[in-house]
Amino acid sequence: MKLNFIKTFGEKIIFCLGVCAGITLGVVLAVAWLVGSVEQYLRNSGYRSAILGPDGLRPEARIFFLVAAAVLTFSVSFYLMIRESIRYIHLLAAKVREISEGDLDHPVEVRGSDEFAAMAADLNAMQKNVKRLMEKERIAEHTKNDLVSSVAHDLRTPLTSIIGYLGWVRTRKDLDEATREKYLEIAYSKALRLEQLTNELFGFVKLEHNEMTLRLGKLDLVQLMEQMLDEMTPSFVENDLTVQFCHGEEVMVVEADGDLLARLFANLLNNAVKYGKEGKQIRVEVETSGLYAVTKVINYGHVIPKNELDAIFRKFYRTEQSRSRDTGGTGLGLAIAEQIVELHHGEIRVKSDLQGTVFEVELPMCQGEGGVS
């Protein structure tokens, strides 16, 4: 039977003591009456002994019977009333041992509302937290391995090319000037690629450890996107891509870090070029929605499978893993883009179907007081 008015274990002990005292008193009175009845019967029948004399039971014998009945009654009744709590304490102790041995998959039942119930709830919460921390540690270890693998491959590829071309130029004294310049230009472009990868890795580390601070200022998002598209025109031409830029307003002023926004949209546009080549078209849309500026970068390449959409912003993750090495990059571009958006208190979403792959960035037009935070 649950006693809802009892909230703590101390209150339960006091309640049990009171109930047991009442039971003990009743039993002692019953035993006293029973002993008196037996005593009267034996006296009337003429029975005599060392304990039962002509004046009845000896006082010490009467006290012994009553004390024995009281102790036995109190002990048994108290145990029966408190045994569930004792079992529950043993259960909690066993659960603590299980947790210490690494069993984090079986929560303990929470019974009642006293201190032990709170302890059980805390144990379950601790178990979940430990399990979550262990999972984070496992993911961190996996991420570290991915980092080593990705960095080793992505840095080694251009570095190998640089060493190869420079070694060729250095050893071949008979090369004509045009051929020499050609190989040096290739080595230089590979070196620039190596620098880009290194900067991307260092930038990611800064964002990951919250070492990057916003340098806020007013900027025209439409003008920024026009500038980004102009700078990437050679890449569009090289990959035979046409670009459409649609904006509802001629001027759209937002409060943001211009350098980080440029990096954000550069990552999205580069991603659209890498994975949208076969679609032959990229579309960029900029519009306002309430207090937010919404930018969409759309490509019409391969559809991203639904089971990959949730992981696409994960560090070092690349869609179509077997083909990702051909596209280059560290797998950090979208992760960096997400961090920059979050740093601006915005949101980035992606959807992909036969109508195209859409990366949608929603940024508050104002930061801090008076804006969206």
Protein backbone atom coordinates (compact mmCIF):
# COMPACT_ATOMS: atom_id res chain seq x y z
CA MET A 1 0.00 0.00 0.00
CA LYS A 2 1.37 3.38 -1.01
CA LEU A 3 1.22 6.12 1.59
CA ASN A 4 1.21 9.34 -0.40
CA PHE A 5 1.51 11.56 2.66
CA ILE A 6 4.96 10.12 3.45
CA LYS A 7 7.55 12.04 1.43
CA THR A 8 10.88 11.14 3.03
CA PHE A 9 12.54 8.04 4.42
CA GLY A 10 12.76 9.71 7.84
CA GLU A 11 8.99 10.22 7.84
CA LYS A 12 8.54 6.58 6.90
CA ILE A 13 10.73 5.45 9.82
CA ILE A 14 8.74 7.59 12.25
CA PHE A 15 5.47 6.28 10.83
CA CYS A 16 6.67 2.67 11.10
CA LEU A 17 7.88 3.22 14.66
CA GLY A 18 4.49 4.62 15.65
CA VAL A 19 2.58 1.79 13.98
CA CYS A 20 4.89 -0.84 15.48
CA ALA A 21 4.57 0.75 18.94
CA GLY A 22 0.79 0.57 18.63
CA ILE A 23 0.92 -3.04 17.47
CA THR A 24 3.37 -3.91 20.25
CA LEU A 25 1.14 -2.28 22.87
CA GLY A 26 -1.85 -4.23 21.61
CA VAL A 27 0.10 -7.49 21.59
CA VAL A 28 1.49 -6.84 25.11
CA LEU A 29 -2.02 -6.19 26.42
CA ALA A 30 -3.26 -9.32 24.68
CA VAL A 31 -0.36 -11.37 26.09
CA ALA A 32 -0.97 -9.91 29.58
CA TRP A 33 -4.64 -10.91 29.35
CA LEU A 34 -3.72 -14.35 28.00
CA VAL A 35 -1.10 -14.91 30.71
CA GLY A 36 -3.62 -13.79 33.35
CA SER A 37 -6.24 -16.17 31.98
CA VAL A 38 -3.81 -19.12 31.91
CA GLU A 39 -2.55 -18.17 35.36
CA GLN A 40 -6.12 -18.12 36.75
CA TYR A 41 -6.92 -21.46 35.15
CA LEU A 42 -3.80 -23.13 36.54
CA ARG A 43 -4.41 -21.74 40.03
CA ASN A 44 -7.98 -22.93 40.03
CA SER A 45 -6.86 -26.40 38.93
CA GLY A 46 -4.41 -26.59 41.81
CA TYR A 47 -1.26 -26.44 39.68
CA ARG A 48 1.80 -25.11 41.46
CA SER A 49 5.40 -24.62 40.38
CA ALA A 50 8.49 -22.47 41.02
CA ILE A 51 7.06 -19.82 38.71
CA LEU A 52 3.38 -20.16 39.56
CA GLY A 53 2.80 -19.87 43.29
CA PRO A 54 -0.36 -19.45 45.38
CA ASP A 55 -0.29 -15.70 44.64
CA GLY A 56 0.11 -16.11 40.87
CA LEU A 57 3.09 -15.65 38.59
CA ARG A 58 6.25 -14.31 40.04
CA PRO A 59 6.76 -10.64 38.98
CA GLU A 60 10.03 -11.33 37.13
CA ALA A 61 8.37 -14.11 35.11
CA ARG A 62 5.46 -11.87 34.18
CA ILE A 63 7.88 -9.09 33.09
CA PHE A 64 9.92 -11.60 31.06
CA PHE A 65 6.89 -12.81 29.12
CA LEU A 66 5.68 -9.30 28.43
CA VAL A 67 9.13 -7.99 27.43
CA ALA A 68 9.76 -11.01 25.18
CA ALA A 69 6.37 -10.53 23.52
CA ALA A 70 7.04 -6.79 23.10
CA VAL A 71 10.54 -7.23 21.61
CA LEU A 72 9.45 -10.03 19.30
CA THR A 73 6.34 -8.19 18.14
CA PHE A 74 8.12 -4.89 17.59
CA SER A 75 11.04 -6.50 15.74
CA VAL A 76 8.89 -8.61 13.42
CA SER A 77 6.38 -5.86 12.66
CA PHE A 78 9.09 -3.27 12.06
CA TYR A 79 10.97 -5.63 9.72
CA LEU A 80 7.81 -6.45 7.78
CA MET A 81 7.03 -2.76 7.33
CA ILE A 82 10.56 -1.75 6.34
CA ARG A 83 11.67 -4.80 4.35
CA GLU A 84 10.71 -3.31 0.96
CA SER A 85 12.91 -0.33 1.67
CA ILE A 86 15.75 -2.66 2.69
CA ARG A 87 15.37 -4.63 -0.54
CA TYR A 88 15.32 -1.38 -2.50
CA ILE A 89 18.54 -0.25 -0.82
CA HIS A 90 20.15 -3.57 -1.79
CA LEU A 91 18.88 -3.06 -5.35
CA LEU A 92 20.46 0.42 -5.50
CA ALA A 93 23.74 -0.95 -4.12
CA ALA A 94 23.73 -3.69 -6.75
CA LYS A 95 23.04 -1.12 -9.47
CA VAL A 96 25.99 0.98 -8.30
CA ARG A 97 28.19 -2.10 -8.60
CA GLU A 98 26.85 -2.78 -12.10
CA ILE A 99 27.58 0.78 -13.18
CA SER A 100 31.11 0.52 -11.76
CA GLU A 101 31.54 -2.67 -13.81
CA GLY A 102 30.43 -0.92 -16.99
CA ASP A 103 26.77 -1.89 -17.31
CA LEU A 104 25.09 1.29 -18.56
CA ASP A 105 22.13 -0.21 -20.40
CA HIS A 106 19.72 -1.11 -17.60
CA PRO A 107 18.15 1.72 -15.57
CA VAL A 108 16.96 1.06 -12.04
CA GLU A 109 13.27 1.30 -11.19
CA VAL A 110 12.26 4.49 -9.39
CA ARG A 111 9.90 3.68 -6.53
CA GLY A 112 8.10 6.22 -4.40
CA SER A 113 9.22 9.78 -3.77
CA ASP A 114 11.69 9.55 -0.88
CA GLU A 115 15.45 9.98 -0.83
CA PHE A 116 16.07 6.53 -2.28
CA ALA A 117 13.75 7.26 -5.20
CA ALA A 118 15.70 10.47 -5.79
CA MET A 119 18.92 8.45 -5.57
CA ALA A 120 17.57 6.01 -8.16
CA ALA A 121 16.63 8.87 -10.47
CA ASP A 122 20.10 10.38 -10.01
CA LEU A 123 21.70 7.00 -10.76
CA ASN A 124 19.71 6.74 -13.97
CA ALA A 125 20.67 10.28 -14.93
CA MET A 126 24.31 9.58 -14.11
CA GLN A 127 24.16 6.39 -16.16
CA LYS A 128 22.78 8.30 -19.15
CA ASN A 129 25.40 11.02 -18.76
CA VAL A 130 28.25 8.53 -18.51
CA LYS A 131 26.92 6.66 -21.53
CA ARG A 132 26.62 9.93 -23.46
CA LEU A 133 30.14 10.96 -22.48
CA MET A 134 31.48 7.57 -23.52
CA GLU A 135 29.68 7.89 -26.85
CA LYS A 136 31.11 11.39 -27.32
CA GLU A 137 34.54 10.02 -26.48
CA ARG A 138 34.05 7.23 -29.02
CA ILE A 139 32.94 9.74 -31.65
CA ALA A 140 35.87 12.01 -30.76
CA GLU A 141 38.26 9.10 -31.19
CA HIS A 142 36.65 8.22 -34.50
CA THR A 143 36.83 11.87 -35.54
CA LYS A 144 40.49 12.02 -34.61
CA ASN A 145 41.17 8.95 -36.75
CA ASP A 146 39.22 10.53 -39.60
CA LEU A 147 41.25 13.71 -39.17
CA VAL A 148 44.54 11.84 -39.37
CA SER A 149 43.38 9.88 -42.40
CA SER A 150 41.89 12.89 -44.19
CA VAL A 151 44.80 15.21 -43.47
CA ALA A 152 47.34 12.55 -44.44
CA HIS A 153 45.64 11.95 -47.77
CA ASP A 154 44.59 15.50 -48.64
CA LEU A 155 47.95 17.03 -47.76
CA ARG A 156 50.02 14.21 -49.22
CA THR A 157 48.40 14.37 -52.67
CA PRO A 158 49.38 17.97 -53.58
CA LEU A 159 52.67 17.64 -51.69
CA THR A 160 53.60 14.56 -53.72
CA SER A 161 52.78 16.44 -56.92
CA ILE A 162 54.86 19.44 -55.87
CA ILE A 163 57.87 17.29 -55.02
CA GLY A 164 57.48 15.34 -58.25
CA TYR A 165 57.25 18.34 -60.55
CA LEU A 166 59.99 20.32 -58.80
CA GLY A 167 62.22 17.26 -58.77
CA TRP A 168 61.64 16.81 -62.49
CA VAL A 169 62.46 20.44 -63.20
CA ARG A 170 65.56 20.33 -60.96
CA THR A 171 67.05 17.20 -62.52
CA ARG A 172 66.19 17.83 -66.15
CA LYS A 173 68.65 20.46 -67.23
CA ASP A 174 67.68 20.04 -70.88
CA LEU A 175 64.08 21.27 -70.45
CA ASP A 176 63.12 24.25 -72.59
CA GLU A 177 61.84 27.39 -70.88
CA ALA A 178 58.18 26.81 -71.85
CA THR A 179 58.12 23.28 -70.41
CA ARG A 180 59.94 24.44 -67.29
CA GLU A 181 57.41 27.24 -66.79
CA LYS A 182 54.55 24.79 -67.32
CA TYR A 183 55.79 22.43 -64.60
CA LEU A 184 56.56 25.30 -62.23
CA GLU A 185 53.04 26.65 -62.75
CA ILE A 186 51.58 23.24 -61.93
CA ALA A 187 53.74 23.00 -58.80
CA TYR A 188 52.69 26.51 -57.80
CA SER A 189 48.98 25.68 -58.20
CA LYS A 190 49.47 22.54 -56.10
CA ALA A 191 51.22 24.63 -53.44
CA LEU A 192 48.27 27.03 -53.41
CA ARG A 193 45.96 24.05 -52.98
CA LEU A 194 48.10 22.85 -50.09
CA GLU A 195 47.90 26.29 -48.49
CA GLN A 196 44.12 26.31 -48.93
CA LEU A 197 43.77 22.91 -47.22
CA THR A 198 46.03 24.00 -44.37
CA ASN A 199 44.08 27.23 -43.85
CA GLU A 200 40.84 25.29 -43.90
CA LEU A 201 42.07 22.92 -41.22
CA PHE A 202 43.36 25.73 -38.99
CA GLY A 203 40.15 27.70 -39.50
CA PHE A 204 38.08 24.70 -38.52
CA VAL A 205 40.12 24.18 -35.34
CA LYS A 206 39.55 27.82 -34.36
CA LEU A 207 35.81 27.55 -34.93
CA GLU A 208 35.63 24.19 -33.18
CA HIS A 209 37.31 25.57 -30.04
CA ASN A 210 35.36 28.84 -30.08
CA GLU A 211 38.52 30.81 -30.77
CA MET A 212 36.88 32.70 -33.63
CA THR A 213 35.16 35.96 -32.69
CA LEU A 214 32.69 37.91 -34.81
CA ARG A 215 33.79 41.24 -36.25
CA LEU A 216 30.32 42.58 -36.88
CA GLY A 217 29.55 45.25 -39.39
CA LYS A 218 26.84 46.32 -41.80
CA LEU A 219 27.13 44.75 -45.25
CA ASP A 220 24.99 44.36 -48.33
CA LEU A 221 24.26 40.66 -48.76
CA VAL A 222 23.26 41.11 -52.41
CA GLN A 223 26.53 42.87 -53.19
CA LEU A 224 28.50 40.20 -51.30
CA MET A 225 26.89 37.39 -53.31
CA GLU A 226 27.49 39.24 -56.60
CA GLN A 227 31.15 39.59 -55.63
CA MET A 228 31.38 35.90 -54.67
CA LEU A 229 29.85 34.82 -57.98
CA ASP A 230 32.20 37.12 -59.94
CA GLU A 231 35.25 35.68 -58.17
CA MET A 232 34.11 32.14 -58.95
CA THR A 233 33.37 32.80 -62.62
CA PRO A 234 36.56 31.00 -63.80
CA SER A 235 35.47 27.91 -61.87
CA PHE A 236 32.00 28.08 -63.38
CA VAL A 237 33.42 28.43 -66.89
CA GLU A 238 35.93 25.60 -66.35
CA ASN A 239 33.13 23.25 -65.28
CA ASP A 240 30.72 24.45 -68.00
CA LEU A 241 28.21 25.74 -65.45
CA THR A 242 25.70 28.56 -65.92
CA VAL A 243 24.71 30.63 -62.90
CA GLN A 244 21.44 32.37 -62.09
CA PHE A 245 21.32 34.97 -59.33
CA CYS A 246 17.87 36.03 -58.12
CA HIS A 247 17.25 38.63 -55.41
CA GLY A 248 14.02 40.28 -54.44
CA GLU A 249 15.66 43.53 -53.34
CA GLU A 250 18.50 45.55 -54.79
CA VAL A 251 20.00 46.15 -51.36
CA MET A 252 19.77 43.80 -48.36
CA VAL A 253 21.76 45.04 -45.37
CA VAL A 254 22.64 42.54 -42.65
CA GLU A 255 24.79 42.79 -39.54
CA ALA A 256 27.46 40.11 -39.78
CA ASP A 257 31.14 39.29 -40.11
CA GLY A 258 31.85 39.87 -43.80
CA ASP A 259 34.95 37.64 -43.93
CA LEU A 260 33.15 34.70 -42.31
CA LEU A 261 30.09 35.13 -44.54
CA ALA A 262 32.37 35.15 -47.58
CA ARG A 263 33.90 31.92 -46.36
CA LEU A 264 30.47 30.43 -45.67
CA PHE A 265 29.12 31.13 -49.15
CA ALA A 266 32.43 30.22 -50.81
CA ASN A 267 32.15 26.78 -49.18
CA LEU A 268 28.55 26.37 -50.35
CA LEU A 269 29.35 27.51 -53.89
CA ASN A 270 32.43 25.28 -54.11
CA ASN A 271 30.31 22.39 -52.90
CA ALA A 272 27.72 23.19 -55.59
CA VAL A 273 30.44 23.20 -58.25
CA LYS A 274 31.98 19.92 -57.07
CA TYR A 275 28.77 17.95 -56.80
CA GLY A 276 26.55 19.79 -59.28
CA LYS A 277 28.68 19.63 -62.43
CA GLU A 278 26.37 17.21 -64.18
CA GLY A 279 23.39 19.52 -63.64
CA LYS A 280 25.12 22.24 -65.70
CA GLN A 281 23.46 24.98 -63.65
CA ILE A 282 23.71 26.68 -60.26
CA ARG A 283 21.01 28.96 -58.92
CA VAL A 284 21.45 31.44 -56.05
CA GLU A 285 18.47 33.14 -54.42
CA VAL A 286 18.50 35.88 -51.77
CA GLU A 287 15.35 37.10 -50.05
CA THR A 288 14.06 38.39 -46.73
CA SER A 289 11.72 36.55 -44.39
CA GLY A 290 10.68 38.68 -41.43
CA LEU A 291 13.81 39.53 -39.42
CA TYR A 292 15.92 37.08 -41.39
CA ALA A 293 17.83 37.06 -44.66
CA VAL A 294 17.47 33.76 -46.49
CA THR A 295 20.03 32.64 -49.05
CA LYS A 296 19.60 29.49 -51.15
CA VAL A 297 22.37 27.82 -53.15
CA ILE A 298 20.87 25.27 -55.52
CA ASN A 299 22.59 22.75 -57.75
CA TYR A 300 21.08 20.13 -60.02
CA GLY A 301 23.62 17.36 -59.74
CA HIS A 302 23.14 13.97 -58.10
CA VAL A 303 20.38 13.69 -55.49
CA ILE A 304 21.76 13.20 -51.97
CA PRO A 305 20.19 10.07 -50.39
CA LYS A 306 17.85 10.78 -47.50
CA ASN A 307 19.91 8.68 -45.10
CA GLU A 308 22.90 10.97 -45.74
CA LEU A 309 21.16 14.33 -45.31
CA ASP A 310 21.35 14.23 -41.49
CA ALA A 311 25.08 13.55 -41.59
CA ILE A 312 26.08 15.95 -44.33
CA PHE A 313 27.24 18.68 -41.91
CA ARG A 314 29.25 16.20 -39.84
CA LYS A 315 32.99 16.75 -39.67
CA PHE A 316 34.98 14.90 -42.34
CA TYR A 317 31.79 13.43 -43.81
CA ARG A 318 31.58 13.21 -47.58
CA THR A 319 28.73 11.95 -49.69
CA GLU A 320 29.59 9.26 -52.21
CA GLN A 321 32.67 8.19 -50.28
CA SER A 322 34.08 6.20 -53.18
CA ARG A 323 34.10 9.32 -55.37
CA SER A 324 34.97 11.92 -52.77
CA ARG A 325 38.71 11.68 -53.27
CA ASP A 326 38.25 12.88 -56.83
CA THR A 327 36.43 15.98 -55.71
CA GLY A 328 39.16 17.01 -53.26
CA GLY A 329 38.68 18.82 -49.96
CA THR A 330 38.91 17.73 -46.36
CA GLY A 331 35.23 17.10 -45.77
CA LEU A 332 35.19 20.17 -43.53
CA GLY A 333 33.56 22.70 -45.85
CA LEU A 334 29.96 22.11 -44.77
CA ALA A 335 30.95 21.63 -41.12
CA ILE A 336 32.68 25.03 -41.21
CA ALA A 337 29.65 26.55 -42.95
CA GLU A 338 27.37 25.25 -40.19
CA GLN A 339 29.66 26.64 -37.47
CA ILE A 340 29.73 30.08 -39.11
CA VAL A 341 25.93 30.10 -39.35
CA GLU A 342 25.58 29.08 -35.69
CA LEU A 343 28.09 31.78 -34.72
CA HIS A 344 25.70 34.27 -36.33
CA HIS A 345 22.70 32.72 -34.48
CA GLY A 346 21.28 31.49 -37.75
CA GLU A 347 20.28 28.14 -39.20
CA ILE A 348 21.38 26.11 -42.21
CA ARG A 349 19.24 23.42 -43.84
CA VAL A 350 19.55 21.10 -46.80
CA LYS A 351 17.09 19.17 -48.91
CA SER A 352 17.70 17.14 -52.02
CA ASP A 353 15.29 15.67 -54.54
CA LEU A 354 14.71 15.58 -58.27
CA GLN A 355 14.06 19.35 -58.19
CA GLY A 356 17.63 19.99 -57.05
CA THR A 357 19.84 20.06 -53.96
CA VAL A 358 19.10 23.18 -51.92
CA PHE A 359 21.33 24.58 -49.16
CA GLU A 360 19.31 27.23 -47.34
CA VAL A 361 21.01 29.69 -44.97
CA GLU A 362 18.83 31.76 -42.64
CA LEU A 363 20.65 34.63 -40.92
CA PRO A 364 19.26 37.30 -38.60
CA MET A 365 19.56 40.71 -40.19
CA CYS A 366 20.57 42.21 -36.82
CA GLN A 367 22.69 40.71 -34.05
CA GLY A 368 22.46 41.38 -30.30
CA GLU A 369 20.10 43.89 -28.73
CA GLY A 370 17.20 44.86 -30.86
CA GLY A 371 17.82 41.93 -33.18
CA VAL A 372 17.56 38.20 -33.16
CA SER A 373 19.77 36.37 -30.71
